[in-house]
Amino acid sequence: MERYELPEGWEWEKIGNQNYFDLIMGQSPLSNTYNLNGVGLPFFQGKTEFGILHPVVNKYCSAPNRIAVKDDVLISVRAPVGPTNLADRECCIGRGARCYKMQR
């Protein structure tokens, strides 16, 4: 596999290495906690809300089950599987998404 040259101080690592990342699967909150009024956290269900780099907020959740924080990597796990975005704020993730959290 051809690899790109990394900046100084960086190293290659498998994304599933539990020494660096925690994998959080999204979970659907109760539908009566969804809203368009900005109450609670932005709610992302997967590719539908993904932008070029960061997701676009269309919906909120007042009782989130699974939470991603700023700089977590969001991955769509519902067709199409694989598109990614970077969380630019704390947000709720639904069943169509998962996130990789860097261990800080």
PDB file of N, CA and C in Angstrom:
ATOM      1  N   MET A   1       0.838  -1.172   0.000  1.00  0.00           N
ATOM      2  CA  MET A   1       0.000   0.000   0.000  1.00  0.00           C
ATOM      3  C   MET A   1       0.889   1.244   0.000  1.00  0.00           C
ATOM      4  N   GLU A   2       0.620   2.130  -0.919  1.00  0.00           N
ATOM      5  CA  GLU A   2       1.392   3.369  -0.996  1.00  0.00           C
ATOM      6  C   GLU A   2       0.919   4.323   0.097  1.00  0.00           C
ATOM      7  N   ARG A   3       1.860   4.931   0.778  1.00  0.00           N
ATOM      8  CA  ARG A   3       1.518   5.858   1.856  1.00  0.00           C
ATOM      9  C   ARG A   3       2.049   7.245   1.536  1.00  0.00           C
ATOM     10  N   TYR A   4       1.368   8.216   2.070  1.00  0.00           N
ATOM     11  CA  TYR A   4       1.791   9.595   1.899  1.00  0.00           C
ATOM     12  C   TYR A   4       2.817   9.951   2.964  1.00  0.00           C
ATOM     13  N   GLU A   5       3.641  10.935   2.660  1.00  0.00           N
ATOM     14  CA  GLU A   5       4.604  11.408   3.648  1.00  0.00           C
ATOM     15  C   GLU A   5       3.852  12.199   4.712  1.00  0.00           C
ATOM     16  N   LEU A   6       4.116  11.883   5.967  1.00  0.00           N
ATOM     17  CA  LEU A   6       3.428  12.539   7.075  1.00  0.00           C
ATOM     18  C   LEU A   6       4.262  13.681   7.635  1.00  0.00           C
ATOM     19  N   PRO A   7       3.598  14.664   8.220  1.00  0.00           N
ATOM     20  CA  PRO A   7       4.335  15.736   8.883  1.00  0.00           C
ATOM     21  C   PRO A   7       5.175  15.178  10.027  1.00  0.00           C
ATOM     22  N   GLU A   8       6.218  15.901  10.386  1.00  0.00           N
ATOM     23  CA  GLU A   8       7.098  15.480  11.471  1.00  0.00           C
ATOM     24  C   GLU A   8       6.298  15.298  12.758  1.00  0.00           C
ATOM     25  N   GLY A   9       6.553  14.208  13.457  1.00  0.00           N
ATOM     26  CA  GLY A   9       5.865  13.920  14.705  1.00  0.00           C
ATOM     27  C   GLY A   9       4.603  13.087  14.545  1.00  0.00           C
ATOM     28  N   TRP A  10       4.138  12.894  13.301  1.00  0.00           N
ATOM     29  CA  TRP A  10       2.961  12.068  13.043  1.00  0.00           C
ATOM     30  C   TRP A  10       3.415  10.648  12.758  1.00  0.00           C
ATOM     31  N   GLU A  11       2.509   9.688  12.939  1.00  0.00           N
ATOM     32  CA  GLU A  11       2.822   8.305  12.601  1.00  0.00           C
ATOM     33  C   GLU A  11       1.567   7.611  12.076  1.00  0.00           C
ATOM     34  N   TRP A  12       1.763   6.573  11.267  1.00  0.00           N
ATOM     35  CA  TRP A  12       0.654   5.783  10.739  1.00  0.00           C
ATOM     36  C   TRP A  12       0.131   4.862  11.827  1.00  0.00           C
ATOM     37  N   GLU A  13      -1.186   4.688  11.866  1.00  0.00           N
ATOM     38  CA  GLU A  13      -1.807   3.786  12.834  1.00  0.00           C
ATOM     39  C   GLU A  13      -3.128   3.301  12.260  1.00  0.00           C
ATOM     40  N   LYS A  14      -3.471   2.052  12.545  1.00  0.00           N
ATOM     41  CA  LYS A  14      -4.765   1.519  12.121  1.00  0.00           C
ATOM     42  C   LYS A  14      -5.858   2.226  12.903  1.00  0.00           C
ATOM     43  N   ILE A  15      -6.927   2.599  12.205  1.00  0.00           N
ATOM     44  CA  ILE A  15      -7.985   3.374  12.840  1.00  0.00           C
ATOM     45  C   ILE A  15      -8.680   2.609  13.959  1.00  0.00           C
ATOM     46  N   GLY A  16      -8.661   1.291  13.925  1.00  0.00           N
ATOM     47  CA  GLY A  16      -9.301   0.499  14.963  1.00  0.00           C
ATOM     48  C   GLY A  16      -8.458   0.293  16.206  1.00  0.00           C
ATOM     49  N   ASN A  17      -7.242   0.829  16.237  1.00  0.00           N
ATOM     50  CA  ASN A  17      -6.364   0.654  17.390  1.00  0.00           C
ATOM     51  C   ASN A  17      -6.974   1.321  18.621  1.00  0.00           C
ATOM     52  N   GLN A  18      -7.356   0.526  19.592  1.00  0.00           N
ATOM     53  CA  GLN A  18      -8.036   1.036  20.780  1.00  0.00           C
ATOM     54  C   GLN A  18      -7.128   1.853  21.695  1.00  0.00           C
ATOM     55  N   ASN A  19      -5.832   1.923  21.381  1.00  0.00           N
ATOM     56  CA  ASN A  19      -4.940   2.761  22.170  1.00  0.00           C
ATOM     57  C   ASN A  19      -5.087   4.235  21.822  1.00  0.00           C
ATOM     58  N   TYR A  20      -5.714   4.533  20.686  1.00  0.00           N
ATOM     59  CA  TYR A  20      -5.814   5.907  20.219  1.00  0.00           C
ATOM     60  C   TYR A  20      -7.244   6.409  20.102  1.00  0.00           C
ATOM     61  N   PHE A  21      -8.179   5.507  19.802  1.00  0.00           N
ATOM     62  CA  PHE A  21      -9.553   5.898  19.514  1.00  0.00           C
ATOM     63  C   PHE A  21     -10.545   5.108  20.349  1.00  0.00           C
ATOM     64  N   ASP A  22     -11.662   5.734  20.643  1.00  0.00           N
ATOM     65  CA  ASP A  22     -12.833   5.042  21.173  1.00  0.00           C
ATOM     66  C   ASP A  22     -13.890   5.123  20.082  1.00  0.00           C
ATOM     67  N   LEU A  23     -14.517   4.020  19.780  1.00  0.00           N
ATOM     68  CA  LEU A  23     -15.558   3.962  18.758  1.00  0.00           C
ATOM     69  C   LEU A  23     -16.915   4.041  19.443  1.00  0.00           C
ATOM     70  N   ILE A  24     -17.712   5.021  19.056  1.00  0.00           N
ATOM     71  CA  ILE A  24     -19.043   5.210  19.632  1.00  0.00           C
ATOM     72  C   ILE A  24     -20.073   5.029  18.522  1.00  0.00           C
ATOM     73  N   MET A  25     -20.943   4.037  18.677  1.00  0.00           N
ATOM     74  CA  MET A  25     -22.031   3.833  17.718  1.00  0.00           C
ATOM     75  C   MET A  25     -23.176   4.767  18.086  1.00  0.00           C
ATOM     76  N   GLY A  26     -23.798   5.368  17.065  1.00  0.00           N
ATOM     77  CA  GLY A  26     -24.948   6.224  17.313  1.00  0.00           C
ATOM     78  C   GLY A  26     -26.133   5.404  17.805  1.00  0.00           C
ATOM     79  N   GLN A  27     -27.090   6.083  18.385  1.00  0.00           N
ATOM     80  CA  GLN A  27     -28.304   5.429  18.872  1.00  0.00           C
ATOM     81  C   GLN A  27     -29.461   6.405  18.689  1.00  0.00           C
ATOM     82  N   SER A  28     -30.604   5.888  18.268  1.00  0.00           N
ATOM     83  CA  SER A  28     -31.759   6.757  18.045  1.00  0.00           C
ATOM     84  C   SER A  28     -32.394   7.181  19.360  1.00  0.00           C
ATOM     85  N   PRO A  29     -32.456   8.493  19.597  1.00  0.00           N
ATOM     86  CA  PRO A  29     -33.200   8.962  20.758  1.00  0.00           C
ATOM     87  C   PRO A  29     -34.705   8.850  20.470  1.00  0.00           C
ATOM     88  N   LEU A  30     -35.521   9.018  21.475  1.00  0.00           N
ATOM     89  CA  LEU A  30     -36.968   8.997  21.269  1.00  0.00           C
ATOM     90  C   LEU A  30     -37.368  10.111  20.305  1.00  0.00           C
ATOM     91  N   SER A  31     -38.241   9.799  19.361  1.00  0.00           N
ATOM     92  CA  SER A  31     -38.601  10.769  18.322  1.00  0.00           C
ATOM     93  C   SER A  31     -39.288  12.010  18.892  1.00  0.00           C
ATOM     94  N   ASN A  32     -39.923  11.904  20.053  1.00  0.00           N
ATOM     95  CA  ASN A  32     -40.575  13.092  20.618  1.00  0.00           C
ATOM     96  C   ASN A  32     -39.572  14.077  21.221  1.00  0.00           C
ATOM     97  N   THR A  33     -38.270  13.744  21.174  1.00  0.00           N
ATOM     98  CA  THR A  33     -37.239  14.675  21.655  1.00  0.00           C
ATOM     99  C   THR A  33     -36.587  15.439  20.505  1.00  0.00           C
ATOM    100  N   TYR A  34     -36.981  15.152  19.251  1.00  0.00           N
ATOM    101  CA  TYR A  34     -36.466  15.873  18.080  1.00  0.00           C
ATOM    102  C   TYR A  34     -37.184  17.219  17.983  1.00  0.00           C
ATOM    103  N   ASN A  35     -36.472  18.235  17.505  1.00  0.00           N
ATOM    104  CA  ASN A  35     -37.119  19.525  17.285  1.00  0.00           C
ATOM    105  C   ASN A  35     -36.325  20.346  16.284  1.00  0.00           C
ATOM    106  N   LEU A  36     -36.963  21.388  15.774  1.00  0.00           N
ATOM    107  CA  LEU A  36     -36.335  22.311  14.828  1.00  0.00           C
ATOM    108  C   LEU A  36     -36.094  23.669  15.482  1.00  0.00           C
ATOM    109  N   ASN A  37     -36.326  23.756  16.787  1.00  0.00           N
ATOM    110  CA  ASN A  37     -36.296  25.031  17.507  1.00  0.00           C
ATOM    111  C   ASN A  37     -34.974  25.329  18.202  1.00  0.00           C
ATOM    112  N   GLY A  38     -33.971  24.478  18.031  1.00  0.00           N
ATOM    113  CA  GLY A  38     -32.681  24.728  18.664  1.00  0.00           C
ATOM    114  C   GLY A  38     -32.607  24.282  20.111  1.00  0.00           C
ATOM    115  N   VAL A  39     -33.560  23.457  20.546  1.00  0.00           N
ATOM    116  CA  VAL A  39     -33.567  22.972  21.927  1.00  0.00           C
ATOM    117  C   VAL A  39     -32.725  21.706  22.013  1.00  0.00           C
ATOM    118  N   GLY A  40     -31.682  21.726  22.834  1.00  0.00           N
ATOM    119  CA  GLY A  40     -30.797  20.577  22.984  1.00  0.00           C
ATOM    120  C   GLY A  40     -29.596  20.659  22.060  1.00  0.00           C
ATOM    121  N   LEU A  41     -29.096  19.498  21.667  1.00  0.00           N
ATOM    122  CA  LEU A  41     -27.903  19.424  20.813  1.00  0.00           C
ATOM    123  C   LEU A  41     -28.289  19.231  19.352  1.00  0.00           C
ATOM    124  N   PRO A  42     -27.446  19.701  18.419  1.00  0.00           N
ATOM    125  CA  PRO A  42     -27.659  19.347  17.019  1.00  0.00           C
ATOM    126  C   PRO A  42     -27.700  17.823  16.894  1.00  0.00           C
ATOM    127  N   PHE A  43     -28.568  17.313  16.032  1.00  0.00           N
ATOM    128  CA  PHE A  43     -28.777  15.874  15.884  1.00  0.00           C
ATOM    129  C   PHE A  43     -28.434  15.462  14.462  1.00  0.00           C
ATOM    130  N   PHE A  44     -27.445  14.567  14.324  1.00  0.00           N
ATOM    131  CA  PHE A  44     -26.998  14.098  13.017  1.00  0.00           C
ATOM    132  C   PHE A  44     -27.244  12.606  12.890  1.00  0.00           C
ATOM    133  N   GLN A  45     -27.895  12.212  11.785  1.00  0.00           N
ATOM    134  CA  GLN A  45     -28.232  10.810  11.572  1.00  0.00           C
ATOM    135  C   GLN A  45     -27.346  10.140  10.531  1.00  0.00           C
ATOM    136  N   GLY A  46     -26.431  10.885   9.926  1.00  0.00           N
ATOM    137  CA  GLY A  46     -25.540  10.289   8.930  1.00  0.00           C
ATOM    138  C   GLY A  46     -25.332  11.209   7.747  1.00  0.00           C
ATOM    139  N   LYS A  47     -25.084  10.639   6.597  1.00  0.00           N
ATOM    140  CA  LYS A  47     -24.699  11.343   5.376  1.00  0.00           C
ATOM    141  C   LYS A  47     -25.646  12.481   5.006  1.00  0.00           C
ATOM    142  N   THR A  48     -26.923  12.339   5.314  1.00  0.00           N
ATOM    143  CA  THR A  48     -27.909  13.359   4.943  1.00  0.00           C
ATOM    144  C   THR A  48     -27.504  14.749   5.420  1.00  0.00           C
ATOM    145  N   GLU A  49     -26.916  14.844   6.595  1.00  0.00           N
ATOM    146  CA  GLU A  49     -26.530  16.145   7.151  1.00  0.00           C
ATOM    147  C   GLU A  49     -25.073  16.504   6.890  1.00  0.00           C
ATOM    148  N   PHE A  50     -24.310  15.627   6.263  1.00  0.00           N
ATOM    149  CA  PHE A  50     -22.884  15.884   6.072  1.00  0.00           C
ATOM    150  C   PHE A  50     -22.648  16.970   5.030  1.00  0.00           C
ATOM    151  N   GLY A  51     -21.742  17.884   5.378  1.00  0.00           N
ATOM    152  CA  GLY A  51     -21.315  18.914   4.454  1.00  0.00           C
ATOM    153  C   GLY A  51     -19.959  18.535   3.867  1.00  0.00           C
ATOM    154  N   ILE A  52     -19.232  19.523   3.373  1.00  0.00           N
ATOM    155  CA  ILE A  52     -17.911  19.265   2.803  1.00  0.00           C
ATOM    156  C   ILE A  52     -16.944  18.811   3.895  1.00  0.00           C
ATOM    157  N   LEU A  53     -16.969  19.484   5.037  1.00  0.00           N
ATOM    158  CA  LEU A  53     -16.089  19.133   6.156  1.00  0.00           C
ATOM    159  C   LEU A  53     -16.865  18.889   7.450  1.00  0.00           C
ATOM    160  N   HIS A  54     -17.864  19.737   7.704  1.00  0.00           N
ATOM    161  CA  HIS A  54     -18.653  19.661   8.935  1.00  0.00           C
ATOM    162  C   HIS A  54     -20.122  19.413   8.596  1.00  0.00           C
ATOM    163  N   PRO A  55     -20.854  18.748   9.504  1.00  0.00           N
ATOM    164  CA  PRO A  55     -22.276  18.534   9.248  1.00  0.00           C
ATOM    165  C   PRO A  55     -23.068  19.842   9.323  1.00  0.00           C
ATOM    166  N   VAL A  56     -24.207  19.854   8.637  1.00  0.00           N
ATOM    167  CA  VAL A  56     -25.107  21.004   8.610  1.00  0.00           C
ATOM    168  C   VAL A  56     -26.270  20.711   9.559  1.00  0.00           C
ATOM    169  N   VAL A  57     -26.548  21.633  10.457  1.00  0.00           N
ATOM    170  CA  VAL A  57     -27.596  21.421  11.460  1.00  0.00           C
ATOM    171  C   VAL A  57     -28.975  21.661  10.845  1.00  0.00           C
ATOM    172  N   ASN A  58     -29.819  20.625  10.881  1.00  0.00           N
ATOM    173  CA  ASN A  58     -31.210  20.728  10.437  1.00  0.00           C
ATOM    174  C   ASN A  58     -32.179  20.408  11.564  1.00  0.00           C
ATOM    175  N   LYS A  59     -31.713  19.655  12.552  1.00  0.00           N
ATOM    176  CA  LYS A  59     -32.585  19.130  13.595  1.00  0.00           C
ATOM    177  C   LYS A  59     -31.817  19.104  14.913  1.00  0.00           C
ATOM    178  N   TYR A  60     -32.552  19.172  16.014  1.00  0.00           N
ATOM    179  CA  TYR A  60     -31.966  19.132  17.354  1.00  0.00           C
ATOM    180  C   TYR A  60     -32.604  18.011  18.165  1.00  0.00           C
ATOM    181  N   CYS A  61     -31.946  17.636  19.259  1.00  0.00           N
ATOM    182  CA  CYS A  61     -32.466  16.603  20.153  1.00  0.00           C
ATOM    183  C   CYS A  61     -32.318  17.091  21.594  1.00  0.00           C
ATOM    184  N   SER A  62     -33.424  17.070  22.326  1.00  0.00           N
ATOM    185  CA  SER A  62     -33.402  17.555  23.712  1.00  0.00           C
ATOM    186  C   SER A  62     -32.995  16.479  24.718  1.00  0.00           C
ATOM    187  N   ALA A  63     -32.907  15.219  24.272  1.00  0.00           N
ATOM    188  CA  ALA A  63     -32.510  14.122  25.175  1.00  0.00           C
ATOM    189  C   ALA A  63     -31.586  13.157  24.436  1.00  0.00           C
ATOM    190  N   PRO A  64     -30.360  13.602  24.122  1.00  0.00           N
ATOM    191  CA  PRO A  64     -29.451  12.758  23.337  1.00  0.00           C
ATOM    192  C   PRO A  64     -28.977  11.519  24.098  1.00  0.00           C
ATOM    193  N   ASN A  65     -28.842  10.408  23.363  1.00  0.00           N
ATOM    194  CA  ASN A  65     -28.309   9.164  23.934  1.00  0.00           C
ATOM    195  C   ASN A  65     -26.806   9.043  23.722  1.00  0.00           C
ATOM    196  N   ARG A  66     -26.351   9.361  22.524  1.00  0.00           N
ATOM    197  CA  ARG A  66     -24.930   9.249  22.169  1.00  0.00           C
ATOM    198  C   ARG A  66     -24.440  10.615  21.713  1.00  0.00           C
ATOM    199  N   ILE A  67     -23.315  11.029  22.264  1.00  0.00           N
ATOM    200  CA  ILE A  67     -22.818  12.380  22.011  1.00  0.00           C
ATOM    201  C   ILE A  67     -21.409  12.344  21.442  1.00  0.00           C
ATOM    202  N   ALA A  68     -21.216  13.104  20.383  1.00  0.00           N
ATOM    203  CA  ALA A  68     -19.886  13.358  19.825  1.00  0.00           C
ATOM    204  C   ALA A  68     -19.500  14.777  20.246  1.00  0.00           C
ATOM    205  N   VAL A  69     -18.205  15.031  20.336  1.00  0.00           N
ATOM    206  CA  VAL A  69     -17.730  16.367  20.702  1.00  0.00           C
ATOM    207  C   VAL A  69     -16.893  16.941  19.563  1.00  0.00           C
ATOM    208  N   LYS A  70     -16.581  18.222  19.686  1.00  0.00           N
ATOM    209  CA  LYS A  70     -15.789  18.911  18.669  1.00  0.00           C
ATOM    210  C   LYS A  70     -14.537  18.102  18.328  1.00  0.00           C
ATOM    211  N   ASP A  71     -14.276  17.967  17.044  1.00  0.00           N
ATOM    212  CA  ASP A  71     -13.120  17.274  16.468  1.00  0.00           C
ATOM    213  C   ASP A  71     -13.245  15.756  16.426  1.00  0.00           C
ATOM    214  N   ASP A  72     -14.367  15.179  16.891  1.00  0.00           N
ATOM    215  CA  ASP A  72     -14.587  13.745  16.678  1.00  0.00           C
ATOM    216  C   ASP A  72     -14.848  13.512  15.192  1.00  0.00           C
ATOM    217  N   VAL A  73     -14.420  12.366  14.689  1.00  0.00           N
ATOM    218  CA  VAL A  73     -14.654  12.000  13.286  1.00  0.00           C
ATOM    219  C   VAL A  73     -15.991  11.276  13.200  1.00  0.00           C
ATOM    220  N   LEU A  74     -16.909  11.820  12.416  1.00  0.00           N
ATOM    221  CA  LEU A  74     -18.230  11.226  12.217  1.00  0.00           C
ATOM    222  C   LEU A  74     -18.207  10.406  10.935  1.00  0.00           C
ATOM    223  N   ILE A  75     -18.782   9.212  10.980  1.00  0.00           N
ATOM    224  CA  ILE A  75     -18.786   8.312   9.823  1.00  0.00           C
ATOM    225  C   ILE A  75     -20.206   7.830   9.571  1.00  0.00           C
ATOM    226  N   SER A  76     -20.642   7.897   8.319  1.00  0.00           N
ATOM    227  CA  SER A  76     -21.959   7.391   7.941  1.00  0.00           C
ATOM    228  C   SER A  76     -21.923   5.868   7.893  1.00  0.00           C
ATOM    229  N   VAL A  77     -22.865   5.227   8.594  1.00  0.00           N
ATOM    230  CA  VAL A  77     -22.937   3.763   8.577  1.00  0.00           C
ATOM    231  C   VAL A  77     -24.251   3.287   7.960  1.00  0.00           C
ATOM    232  N   ARG A  78     -25.005   4.209   7.396  1.00  0.00           N
ATOM    233  CA  ARG A  78     -26.220   3.895   6.651  1.00  0.00           C
ATOM    234  C   ARG A  78     -25.946   4.314   5.210  1.00  0.00           C
ATOM    235  N   ALA A  79     -26.477   3.570   4.252  1.00  0.00           N
ATOM    236  CA  ALA A  79     -26.155   3.819   2.847  1.00  0.00           C
ATOM    237  C   ALA A  79     -26.305   5.299   2.511  1.00  0.00           C
ATOM    238  N   PRO A  80     -25.293   5.885   1.910  1.00  0.00           N
ATOM    239  CA  PRO A  80     -24.009   5.273   1.593  1.00  0.00           C
ATOM    240  C   PRO A  80     -23.110   5.185   2.828  1.00  0.00           C
ATOM    241  N   VAL A  81     -22.489   4.056   2.986  1.00  0.00           N
ATOM    242  CA  VAL A  81     -21.591   3.824   4.115  1.00  0.00           C
ATOM    243  C   VAL A  81     -20.216   4.396   3.795  1.00  0.00           C
ATOM    244  N   GLY A  82     -19.627   5.084   4.746  1.00  0.00           N
ATOM    245  CA  GLY A  82     -18.252   5.527   4.593  1.00  0.00           C
ATOM    246  C   GLY A  82     -17.996   7.015   4.551  1.00  0.00           C
ATOM    247  N   PRO A  83     -18.929   7.857   4.041  1.00  0.00           N
ATOM    248  CA  PRO A  83     -18.631   9.287   4.053  1.00  0.00           C
ATOM    249  C   PRO A  83     -18.328   9.768   5.472  1.00  0.00           C
ATOM    250  N   THR A  84     -17.437  10.726   5.584  1.00  0.00           N
ATOM    251  CA  THR A  84     -17.010  11.228   6.887  1.00  0.00           C
ATOM    252  C   THR A  84     -17.179  12.736   6.987  1.00  0.00           C
ATOM    253  N   ASN A  85     -17.272  13.212   8.189  1.00  0.00           N
ATOM    254  CA  ASN A  85     -17.287  14.633   8.522  1.00  0.00           C
ATOM    255  C   ASN A  85     -16.588  14.790   9.856  1.00  0.00           C
ATOM    256  N   LEU A  86     -16.274  16.008  10.186  1.00  0.00           N
ATOM    257  CA  LEU A  86     -15.624  16.334  11.447  1.00  0.00           C
ATOM    258  C   LEU A  86     -16.610  17.143  12.288  1.00  0.00           C
ATOM    259  N   ALA A  87     -16.882  16.685  13.495  1.00  0.00           N
ATOM    260  CA  ALA A  87     -17.794  17.429  14.375  1.00  0.00           C
ATOM    261  C   ALA A  87     -17.165  18.775  14.715  1.00  0.00           C
ATOM    262  N   ASP A  88     -17.932  19.840  14.535  1.00  0.00           N
ATOM    263  CA  ASP A  88     -17.419  21.171  14.861  1.00  0.00           C
ATOM    264  C   ASP A  88     -18.026  21.705  16.161  1.00  0.00           C
ATOM    265  N   ARG A  89     -18.780  20.819  16.852  1.00  0.00           N
ATOM    266  CA  ARG A  89     -19.420  21.171  18.123  1.00  0.00           C
ATOM    267  C   ARG A  89     -19.926  19.898  18.781  1.00  0.00           C
ATOM    268  N   GLU A  90     -20.338  19.971  20.007  1.00  0.00           N
ATOM    269  CA  GLU A  90     -20.971  18.837  20.660  1.00  0.00           C
ATOM    270  C   GLU A  90     -22.286  18.555  19.938  1.00  0.00           C
ATOM    271  N   CYS A  91     -22.580  17.273  19.700  1.00  0.00           N
ATOM    272  CA  CYS A  91     -23.779  16.919  18.948  1.00  0.00           C
ATOM    273  C   CYS A  91     -24.256  15.521  19.318  1.00  0.00           C
ATOM    274  N   CYS A  92     -25.510  15.262  19.008  1.00  0.00           N
ATOM    275  CA  CYS A  92     -26.111  13.948  19.205  1.00  0.00           C
ATOM    276  C   CYS A  92     -25.948  13.160  17.907  1.00  0.00           C
ATOM    277  N   ILE A  93     -25.563  11.879  17.995  1.00  0.00           N
ATOM    278  CA  ILE A  93     -25.460  11.057  16.791  1.00  0.00           C
ATOM    279  C   ILE A  93     -26.487   9.932  16.842  1.00  0.00           C
ATOM    280  N   GLY A  94     -27.224   9.793  15.741  1.00  0.00           N
ATOM    281  CA  GLY A  94     -28.247   8.764  15.618  1.00  0.00           C
ATOM    282  C   GLY A  94     -27.686   7.477  15.049  1.00  0.00           C
ATOM    283  N   ARG A  95     -28.578   6.509  14.783  1.00  0.00           N
ATOM    284  CA  ARG A  95     -28.170   5.169  14.344  1.00  0.00           C
ATOM    285  C   ARG A  95     -27.435   5.138  13.014  1.00  0.00           C
ATOM    286  N   GLY A  96     -27.604   6.151  12.186  1.00  0.00           N
ATOM    287  CA  GLY A  96     -26.934   6.167  10.891  1.00  0.00           C
ATOM    288  C   GLY A  96     -25.511   6.679  10.950  1.00  0.00           C
ATOM    289  N   ALA A  97     -25.011   6.933  12.156  1.00  0.00           N
ATOM    290  CA  ALA A  97     -23.660   7.485  12.303  1.00  0.00           C
ATOM    291  C   ALA A  97     -22.921   6.791  13.444  1.00  0.00           C
ATOM    292  N   ARG A  98     -21.628   6.913  13.389  1.00  0.00           N
ATOM    293  CA  ARG A  98     -20.763   6.513  14.501  1.00  0.00           C
ATOM    294  C   ARG A  98     -19.686   7.573  14.577  1.00  0.00           C
ATOM    295  N   CYS A  99     -18.955   7.574  15.668  1.00  0.00           N
ATOM    296  CA  CYS A  99     -17.849   8.526  15.739  1.00  0.00           C
ATOM    297  C   CYS A  99     -16.620   7.864  16.330  1.00  0.00           C
ATOM    298  N   TYR A 100     -15.495   8.330  15.861  1.00  0.00           N
ATOM    299  CA  TYR A 100     -14.211   7.958  16.439  1.00  0.00           C
ATOM    300  C   TYR A 100     -13.780   9.120  17.314  1.00  0.00           C
ATOM    301  N   LYS A 101     -13.600   8.839  18.606  1.00  0.00           N
ATOM    302  CA  LYS A 101     -13.151   9.849  19.559  1.00  0.00           C
ATOM    303  C   LYS A 101     -11.675   9.620  19.840  1.00  0.00           C
ATOM    304  N   MET A 102     -10.886  10.643  19.615  1.00  0.00           N
ATOM    305  CA  MET A 102      -9.478  10.563  19.994  1.00  0.00           C
ATOM    306  C   MET A 102      -9.400  10.479  21.501  1.00  0.00           C
ATOM    307  N   GLN A 103      -8.579   9.585  22.011  1.00  0.00           N
ATOM    308  CA  GLN A 103      -8.367   9.554  23.454  1.00  0.00           C
ATOM    309  C   GLN A 103      -7.501  10.747  23.805  1.00  0.00           C
ATOM    310  N   ARG A 104      -7.994  11.563  24.670  1.00  0.00           N
ATOM    311  CA  ARG A 104      -7.300  12.812  25.011  1.00  0.00           C
ATOM    312  C   ARG A 104      -6.522  12.653  26.297  1.00  0.00           C
TER     313      ARG A 104
END
